[in-house]
Amino acid sequence: MIGKRLTPRHRALAPVVALFTAVAFLVGAPGVAGAAPNTPPNEGGSKTLRAKLEAAAKGHIEAKAKLANSKKRQLELGVELKRLEQRLAALNVQMAAVADKSYRLGRVSAFAVLLNSASPDAFIERAAGLETLAQRDGRQLRELTETRQQARRAKTAIDNEVREQQKQEKVMARKKRDAEIALASVGGGAAGGFINPNSPLAKPAPRNSDGSWPNESCTIDDPTTSGCLTPRTLHALKQAQANGFNHHVSCFRSGGGGEHPKGRACDFAAAQGGFEDVAASGSDKTYGDNLASFYIKNADRLGVMYVIWYRQIWMPGTGWRSYSGGGSPAGDHTNHVHLSMV
């Protein structure tokens, strides 16, 4: 109170009170518009919508990996079939020559050949020669039969791969429809999106031998919070930072739905100072545009499930679509870029 005399205890606490007052002024109280710039945003959107988008995106990505693996396998089988057909052609020529010789000279029995031997030594020589011929012809005949069987199996395998590709293409189309229907419920139509052909390339994240993404859990310390991340999410975060995207980031969150509690999502503030309760503009908007473009260009390399930025969402099956999260800068993602990982 003005004019009230301070006791020695009050005078001792005065610097501490002043310090806390200054910190409160600079940081702001939680929940106040424009305050707490490093507080993770309340992103809006229903739990049901997020679940549908996750299912559609993951289904599309898995089907795409299976499709790519099937095409690779078909190519390998095609090379093998061509090799087998070339060998078959050579064996057919050899066997045709044997058949032609037998037709012209007639087939002489082994017994007759041996009876015409002039001496015991000649008998033994002719017997050995007949055995060698029989073995050679037998090997050629067996190889011809086996090669034909291998070629038939290769053709069958190619037909199976074609059917597998048709199956996965149908899955991808169905997942795309699922995503479009889910987004249509919040006004999601086709959108221009954010594309920058000059975006840098990221270092690819590890995949399984068949091209699919390994199953990962939240096992790595999150450098942006006290929580955890999947190895793939941490890799995506580090790749963005390595390419100059160094504004404030918040990844793991224990509450709410979506991928944050699973360690598979990060929010990147558009403003250099952190999350602000205003739509980004100027250089902050450009920063968000470029970051979103970076993750879209490297989606296959990193395992991106979807990206949300400035009232638009990108998914691998649909491309950029309009997105509404409730009208606030956080809900509409106009103050931060949201990244969700497989």
Protein backbone atom coordinates (compact mmCIF):
# COMPACT_ATOMS: atom_id res chain seq x y z
CA MET A 1 0.00 0.00 0.00
CA ILE A 2 1.34 3.45 -0.90
CA GLY A 3 2.78 5.32 2.08
CA LYS A 4 2.96 2.18 4.21
CA ARG A 5 6.34 1.69 5.87
CA LEU A 6 8.15 -1.54 4.82
CA THR A 7 9.48 -3.86 7.50
CA PRO A 8 13.01 -5.31 7.16
CA ARG A 9 11.46 -8.66 6.06
CA HIS A 10 9.44 -6.92 3.33
CA ARG A 11 12.53 -5.04 2.17
CA ALA A 12 14.44 -8.36 1.92
CA LEU A 13 11.67 -9.92 -0.23
CA ALA A 14 11.30 -6.92 -2.53
CA PRO A 15 13.97 -7.98 -5.09
CA VAL A 16 12.45 -11.48 -5.30
CA VAL A 17 8.95 -10.07 -5.87
CA ALA A 18 10.30 -7.75 -8.53
CA LEU A 19 12.01 -10.66 -10.30
CA PHE A 20 8.85 -12.77 -10.39
CA THR A 21 6.83 -9.76 -11.57
CA ALA A 22 9.24 -9.22 -14.45
CA VAL A 23 9.17 -12.90 -15.44
CA ALA A 24 5.36 -12.93 -15.33
CA PHE A 25 5.25 -9.85 -17.52
CA LEU A 26 7.64 -11.30 -20.12
CA VAL A 27 6.23 -14.84 -20.24
CA GLY A 28 2.59 -14.13 -19.47
CA ALA A 29 0.07 -16.18 -17.59
CA PRO A 30 -1.13 -19.44 -19.17
CA GLY A 31 -4.39 -19.16 -21.07
CA VAL A 32 -4.02 -15.47 -21.90
CA ALA A 33 -4.08 -14.58 -25.61
CA GLY A 34 -0.60 -13.85 -26.88
CA ALA A 35 1.01 -15.22 -23.72
CA ALA A 36 3.08 -18.30 -22.94
CA PRO A 37 4.75 -18.47 -26.40
CA ASN A 38 6.20 -21.93 -25.76
CA THR A 39 2.99 -23.55 -24.51
CA PRO A 40 1.87 -26.29 -26.96
CA PRO A 41 -1.25 -25.22 -28.89
CA ASN A 42 -4.71 -26.65 -28.43
CA GLU A 43 -5.06 -27.91 -31.97
CA GLY A 44 -8.79 -28.43 -32.17
CA GLY A 45 -10.43 -31.10 -34.29
CA SER A 46 -12.35 -34.05 -32.88
CA LYS A 47 -10.85 -37.30 -31.69
CA THR A 48 -13.01 -39.14 -34.22
CA LEU A 49 -11.69 -37.05 -37.09
CA ARG A 50 -8.08 -37.62 -36.06
CA ALA A 51 -8.68 -41.37 -35.79
CA LYS A 52 -10.22 -41.50 -39.27
CA LEU A 53 -7.39 -39.49 -40.79
CA GLU A 54 -4.78 -41.69 -39.12
CA ALA A 55 -6.45 -44.88 -40.34
CA ALA A 56 -6.77 -43.55 -43.88
CA ALA A 57 -3.20 -42.25 -44.05
CA LYS A 58 -1.60 -45.34 -42.51
CA GLY A 59 -3.65 -47.65 -44.73
CA HIS A 60 -2.60 -45.72 -47.82
CA ILE A 61 1.08 -45.72 -46.85
CA GLU A 62 1.08 -49.46 -46.09
CA ALA A 63 -0.67 -50.27 -49.37
CA LYS A 64 1.76 -48.05 -51.28
CA ALA A 65 4.73 -49.89 -49.75
CA LYS A 66 3.22 -53.26 -50.66
CA LEU A 67 2.52 -52.03 -54.18
CA ALA A 68 6.11 -50.85 -54.62
CA ASN A 69 7.45 -54.15 -53.24
CA SER A 70 5.21 -56.12 -55.60
CA LYS A 71 6.38 -54.12 -58.60
CA LYS A 72 10.00 -54.69 -57.58
CA ARG A 73 9.33 -58.43 -57.24
CA GLN A 74 7.57 -58.50 -60.62
CA LEU A 75 10.60 -56.85 -62.24
CA GLU A 76 12.94 -59.42 -60.68
CA LEU A 77 10.69 -62.27 -61.85
CA GLY A 78 10.60 -60.79 -65.35
CA VAL A 79 14.41 -60.81 -65.53
CA GLU A 80 14.47 -64.42 -64.27
CA LEU A 81 11.81 -65.49 -66.78
CA LYS A 82 13.76 -63.95 -69.65
CA ARG A 83 16.88 -65.86 -68.57
CA LEU A 84 14.91 -69.11 -68.37
CA GLU A 85 13.35 -68.58 -71.80
CA GLN A 86 16.78 -67.99 -73.33
CA ARG A 87 18.05 -71.21 -71.75
CA LEU A 88 14.98 -73.07 -72.97
CA ALA A 89 15.64 -71.88 -76.50
CA ALA A 90 19.22 -73.19 -76.36
CA LEU A 91 18.15 -76.54 -74.91
CA ASN A 92 15.44 -76.95 -77.53
CA VAL A 93 18.07 -76.47 -80.26
CA GLN A 94 20.30 -79.11 -78.68
CA MET A 95 17.49 -81.61 -78.28
CA ALA A 96 16.29 -80.96 -81.82
CA ALA A 97 19.79 -81.81 -83.09
CA VAL A 98 19.76 -85.10 -81.18
CA ALA A 99 16.30 -85.95 -82.54
CA ASP A 100 17.34 -85.09 -86.11
CA LYS A 101 20.43 -87.28 -85.93
CA SER A 102 18.41 -90.19 -84.59
CA TYR A 103 15.89 -89.78 -87.40
CA ARG A 104 18.52 -89.69 -90.19
CA LEU A 105 20.77 -92.48 -88.94
CA GLY A 106 18.18 -94.58 -87.27
CA ARG A 107 18.41 -95.74 -83.73
CA VAL A 108 21.10 -98.40 -83.21
CA SER A 109 20.67 -100.53 -80.16
CA ALA A 110 23.39 -100.58 -77.56
CA PHE A 111 23.55 -104.37 -77.86
CA ALA A 112 24.32 -104.14 -81.59
CA VAL A 113 27.07 -101.60 -81.02
CA LEU A 114 28.73 -103.79 -78.44
CA LEU A 115 28.50 -106.95 -80.60
CA ASN A 116 30.42 -105.22 -83.39
CA SER A 117 33.39 -104.61 -81.13
CA ALA A 118 36.62 -105.98 -82.62
CA SER A 119 38.27 -106.70 -79.30
CA PRO A 120 37.58 -106.70 -75.56
CA ASP A 121 39.25 -103.29 -75.28
CA ALA A 122 37.00 -101.92 -78.02
CA PHE A 123 34.01 -103.44 -76.26
CA ILE A 124 34.92 -101.61 -73.05
CA GLU A 125 35.51 -98.34 -74.96
CA ARG A 126 32.16 -98.54 -76.71
CA ALA A 127 30.37 -99.39 -73.48
CA ALA A 128 31.89 -96.32 -71.78
CA GLY A 129 30.99 -94.14 -74.75
CA LEU A 130 27.40 -95.31 -74.70
CA GLU A 131 27.20 -94.55 -70.98
CA THR A 132 28.62 -91.04 -71.54
CA LEU A 133 26.12 -90.34 -74.33
CA ALA A 134 23.25 -91.59 -72.20
CA GLN A 135 24.33 -89.43 -69.29
CA ARG A 136 24.70 -86.34 -71.50
CA ASP A 137 21.35 -86.81 -73.18
CA GLY A 138 19.72 -87.56 -69.85
CA ARG A 139 21.15 -84.41 -68.27
CA GLN A 140 19.97 -82.28 -71.17
CA LEU A 141 16.52 -83.80 -71.01
CA ARG A 142 16.29 -83.27 -67.25
CA GLU A 143 17.52 -79.69 -67.55
CA LEU A 144 14.99 -79.01 -70.29
CA THR A 145 12.18 -80.38 -68.12
CA GLU A 146 13.30 -78.47 -65.02
CA THR A 147 13.76 -75.22 -66.94
CA ARG A 148 10.27 -75.49 -68.38
CA GLN A 149 8.86 -76.00 -64.88
CA GLN A 150 10.81 -73.01 -63.53
CA ALA A 151 9.54 -70.83 -66.37
CA ARG A 152 5.95 -71.87 -65.65
CA ARG A 153 6.42 -71.05 -61.95
CA ALA A 154 7.92 -67.66 -62.81
CA LYS A 155 4.95 -66.84 -65.06
CA THR A 156 2.53 -67.87 -62.31
CA ALA A 157 4.41 -65.73 -59.79
CA ILE A 158 4.25 -62.73 -62.13
CA ASP A 159 0.50 -63.21 -62.51
CA ASN A 160 0.19 -63.32 -58.71
CA GLU A 161 2.15 -60.07 -58.37
CA VAL A 162 -0.12 -58.38 -60.91
CA ARG A 163 -3.16 -59.44 -58.86
CA GLU A 164 -1.44 -58.18 -55.69
CA GLN A 165 -0.82 -54.80 -57.31
CA GLN A 166 -4.45 -54.53 -58.39
CA LYS A 167 -5.47 -55.35 -54.81
CA GLN A 168 -3.23 -52.68 -53.28
CA GLU A 169 -4.34 -50.08 -55.82
CA LYS A 170 -7.93 -50.72 -54.72
CA VAL A 171 -6.90 -50.34 -51.07
CA MET A 172 -5.20 -47.01 -51.84
CA ALA A 173 -8.26 -45.75 -53.69
CA ARG A 174 -10.51 -46.80 -50.78
CA LYS A 175 -8.28 -45.09 -48.21
CA LYS A 176 -8.26 -41.94 -50.30
CA ARG A 177 -12.08 -41.93 -50.31
CA ASP A 178 -12.12 -42.49 -46.55
CA ALA A 179 -9.87 -39.47 -46.02
CA GLU A 180 -11.90 -37.27 -48.37
CA ILE A 181 -15.16 -38.22 -46.64
CA ALA A 182 -13.67 -37.49 -43.21
CA LEU A 183 -12.30 -34.12 -44.33
CA ALA A 184 -15.55 -33.21 -46.09
CA SER A 185 -17.23 -33.29 -42.67
CA VAL A 186 -15.12 -30.26 -41.70
CA GLY A 187 -15.32 -28.52 -45.07
CA GLY A 188 -12.22 -30.11 -46.56
CA GLY A 189 -12.10 -29.60 -50.31
CA ALA A 190 -9.22 -29.51 -52.78
CA ALA A 191 -6.63 -26.83 -51.95
CA GLY A 192 -3.58 -25.30 -53.53
CA GLY A 193 -1.20 -26.40 -50.81
CA PHE A 194 2.40 -25.47 -50.17
CA ILE A 195 4.98 -26.77 -52.61
CA ASN A 196 8.59 -25.67 -52.97
CA PRO A 197 10.61 -27.59 -55.58
CA ASN A 198 13.78 -26.16 -54.06
CA SER A 199 13.16 -27.80 -50.67
CA PRO A 200 16.27 -29.72 -49.53
CA LEU A 201 16.31 -33.50 -49.48
CA ALA A 202 16.29 -35.23 -46.09
CA LYS A 203 18.33 -38.26 -45.15
CA PRO A 204 15.98 -41.27 -45.46
CA ALA A 205 14.78 -43.05 -42.33
CA PRO A 206 15.40 -46.83 -42.08
CA ARG A 207 12.83 -49.15 -43.68
CA ASN A 208 12.26 -52.90 -43.57
CA SER A 209 13.71 -55.00 -46.37
CA ASP A 210 10.28 -55.16 -48.05
CA GLY A 211 9.98 -51.36 -48.07
CA SER A 212 7.52 -51.11 -45.17
CA TRP A 213 8.07 -48.97 -42.09
CA PRO A 214 9.25 -50.73 -38.91
CA ASN A 215 6.85 -50.71 -35.96
CA GLU A 216 8.24 -48.27 -33.41
CA SER A 217 7.20 -47.21 -29.94
CA CYS A 218 7.92 -44.14 -27.83
CA THR A 219 11.40 -45.11 -26.64
CA ILE A 220 13.68 -42.10 -27.30
CA ASP A 221 13.92 -39.02 -25.06
CA ASP A 222 12.12 -36.06 -26.62
CA PRO A 223 14.59 -33.13 -26.74
CA THR A 224 11.69 -30.66 -26.84
CA THR A 225 9.82 -31.89 -23.74
CA SER A 226 10.27 -34.29 -20.84
CA GLY A 227 8.43 -37.00 -22.82
CA CYS A 228 9.49 -39.50 -25.48
CA LEU A 229 9.49 -39.96 -29.25
CA THR A 230 9.71 -42.81 -31.71
CA PRO A 231 13.11 -43.05 -33.43
CA ARG A 232 11.52 -42.12 -36.78
CA THR A 233 9.89 -38.99 -35.34
CA LEU A 234 13.16 -37.87 -33.77
CA HIS A 235 14.90 -38.43 -37.10
CA ALA A 236 12.32 -36.25 -38.89
CA LEU A 237 12.75 -33.51 -36.28
CA LYS A 238 16.53 -33.58 -36.58
CA GLN A 239 16.39 -33.50 -40.37
CA ALA A 240 14.28 -30.32 -40.28
CA GLN A 241 16.66 -28.72 -37.81
CA ALA A 242 19.68 -29.76 -39.88
CA ASN A 243 18.13 -27.92 -42.82
CA GLY A 244 17.68 -24.65 -40.97
CA PHE A 245 14.22 -24.95 -39.40
CA ASN A 246 15.16 -23.91 -35.88
CA HIS A 247 12.12 -22.12 -34.42
CA HIS A 248 10.58 -23.47 -31.22
CA VAL A 249 9.23 -27.07 -31.38
CA SER A 250 7.05 -29.09 -29.01
CA CYS A 251 6.49 -32.80 -29.68
CA PHE A 252 5.32 -35.14 -26.91
CA ARG A 253 2.10 -34.38 -24.99
CA SER A 254 0.57 -36.76 -22.48
CA GLY A 255 -2.99 -35.44 -22.84
CA GLY A 256 -5.42 -35.46 -25.73
CA GLY A 257 -5.67 -37.78 -28.70
CA GLY A 258 -3.79 -38.02 -31.95
CA GLU A 259 -0.11 -38.85 -32.27
CA HIS A 260 1.40 -36.52 -29.65
CA PRO A 261 0.87 -38.96 -26.73
CA LYS A 262 2.39 -41.72 -28.88
CA GLY A 263 5.54 -39.73 -29.57
CA ARG A 264 4.70 -39.53 -33.25
CA ALA A 265 3.89 -35.83 -33.70
CA CYS A 266 5.55 -32.43 -33.41
CA ASP A 267 4.30 -28.83 -33.52
CA PHE A 268 6.64 -26.27 -35.09
CA ALA A 269 6.02 -22.64 -34.15
CA ALA A 270 5.91 -20.29 -37.12
CA ALA A 271 7.12 -17.31 -35.08
CA GLN A 272 10.74 -17.31 -34.06
CA GLY A 273 9.83 -16.53 -30.45
CA GLY A 274 7.47 -19.49 -30.06
CA PHE A 275 3.75 -20.19 -30.31
CA GLU A 276 1.75 -16.97 -30.69
CA ASP A 277 -2.02 -16.64 -30.59
CA VAL A 278 -2.12 -14.88 -33.98
CA ALA A 279 -2.06 -16.09 -37.56
CA ALA A 280 1.46 -16.03 -38.97
CA SER A 281 2.27 -13.40 -41.57
CA GLY A 282 5.31 -12.06 -43.38
CA SER A 283 8.52 -13.98 -42.70
CA ASP A 284 6.75 -16.22 -40.14
CA LYS A 285 4.26 -17.33 -42.79
CA THR A 286 7.10 -17.95 -45.25
CA TYR A 287 8.88 -20.02 -42.62
CA GLY A 288 5.79 -22.20 -42.14
CA ASP A 289 5.27 -22.52 -45.91
CA ASN A 290 8.84 -23.71 -46.38
CA LEU A 291 8.73 -26.13 -43.45
CA ALA A 292 5.47 -27.70 -44.68
CA SER A 293 6.97 -27.99 -48.18
CA PHE A 294 10.08 -29.65 -46.75
CA TYR A 295 8.07 -32.39 -45.08
CA ILE A 296 5.88 -32.95 -48.13
CA LYS A 297 8.86 -33.31 -50.46
CA ASN A 298 10.46 -35.79 -48.05
CA ALA A 299 7.30 -37.62 -46.96
CA ASP A 300 8.40 -40.95 -48.48
CA ARG A 301 11.93 -40.55 -47.14
CA LEU A 302 10.89 -39.80 -43.57
CA GLY A 303 7.57 -41.64 -43.07
CA VAL A 304 5.25 -38.63 -42.89
CA MET A 305 1.62 -39.51 -42.21
CA TYR A 306 0.17 -36.01 -42.58
CA VAL A 307 1.03 -32.32 -42.28
CA ILE A 308 -1.35 -29.52 -41.23
CA TRP A 309 -0.57 -25.87 -41.92
CA TYR A 310 -2.57 -22.71 -42.47
CA ARG A 311 -6.06 -24.22 -42.80
CA GLN A 312 -4.83 -27.03 -45.05
CA ILE A 313 -3.87 -30.65 -44.49
CA TRP A 314 -1.63 -32.83 -46.65
CA MET A 315 -2.04 -36.59 -46.74
CA PRO A 316 -0.25 -39.07 -49.04
CA GLY A 317 -3.46 -40.22 -50.69
CA THR A 318 -5.24 -36.89 -51.11
CA GLY A 319 -2.58 -34.20 -51.45
CA TRP A 320 -3.46 -30.80 -49.97
CA ARG A 321 -7.05 -30.33 -48.77
CA SER A 322 -8.67 -27.46 -46.91
CA TYR A 323 -8.96 -27.97 -43.14
CA SER A 324 -10.80 -26.16 -40.37
CA GLY A 325 -9.92 -26.68 -36.73
CA GLY A 326 -12.37 -24.31 -35.09
CA GLY A 327 -11.29 -20.82 -36.07
CA SER A 328 -8.46 -20.14 -33.62
CA PRO A 329 -4.85 -19.76 -34.81
CA ALA A 330 -3.98 -22.99 -32.99
CA GLY A 331 -7.03 -24.94 -34.23
CA ASP A 332 -6.64 -23.73 -37.81
CA HIS A 333 -2.86 -24.25 -37.60
CA THR A 334 -2.07 -20.75 -38.78
CA ASN A 335 0.50 -20.22 -36.02
CA HIS A 336 2.27 -23.59 -36.21
CA VAL A 337 2.97 -26.51 -38.53
CA HIS A 338 1.74 -29.88 -37.28
CA LEU A 339 3.62 -33.05 -38.29
CA SER A 340 2.29 -36.58 -37.72
CA MET A 341 4.47 -39.60 -38.41
CA VAL A 342 3.75 -43.23 -39.25
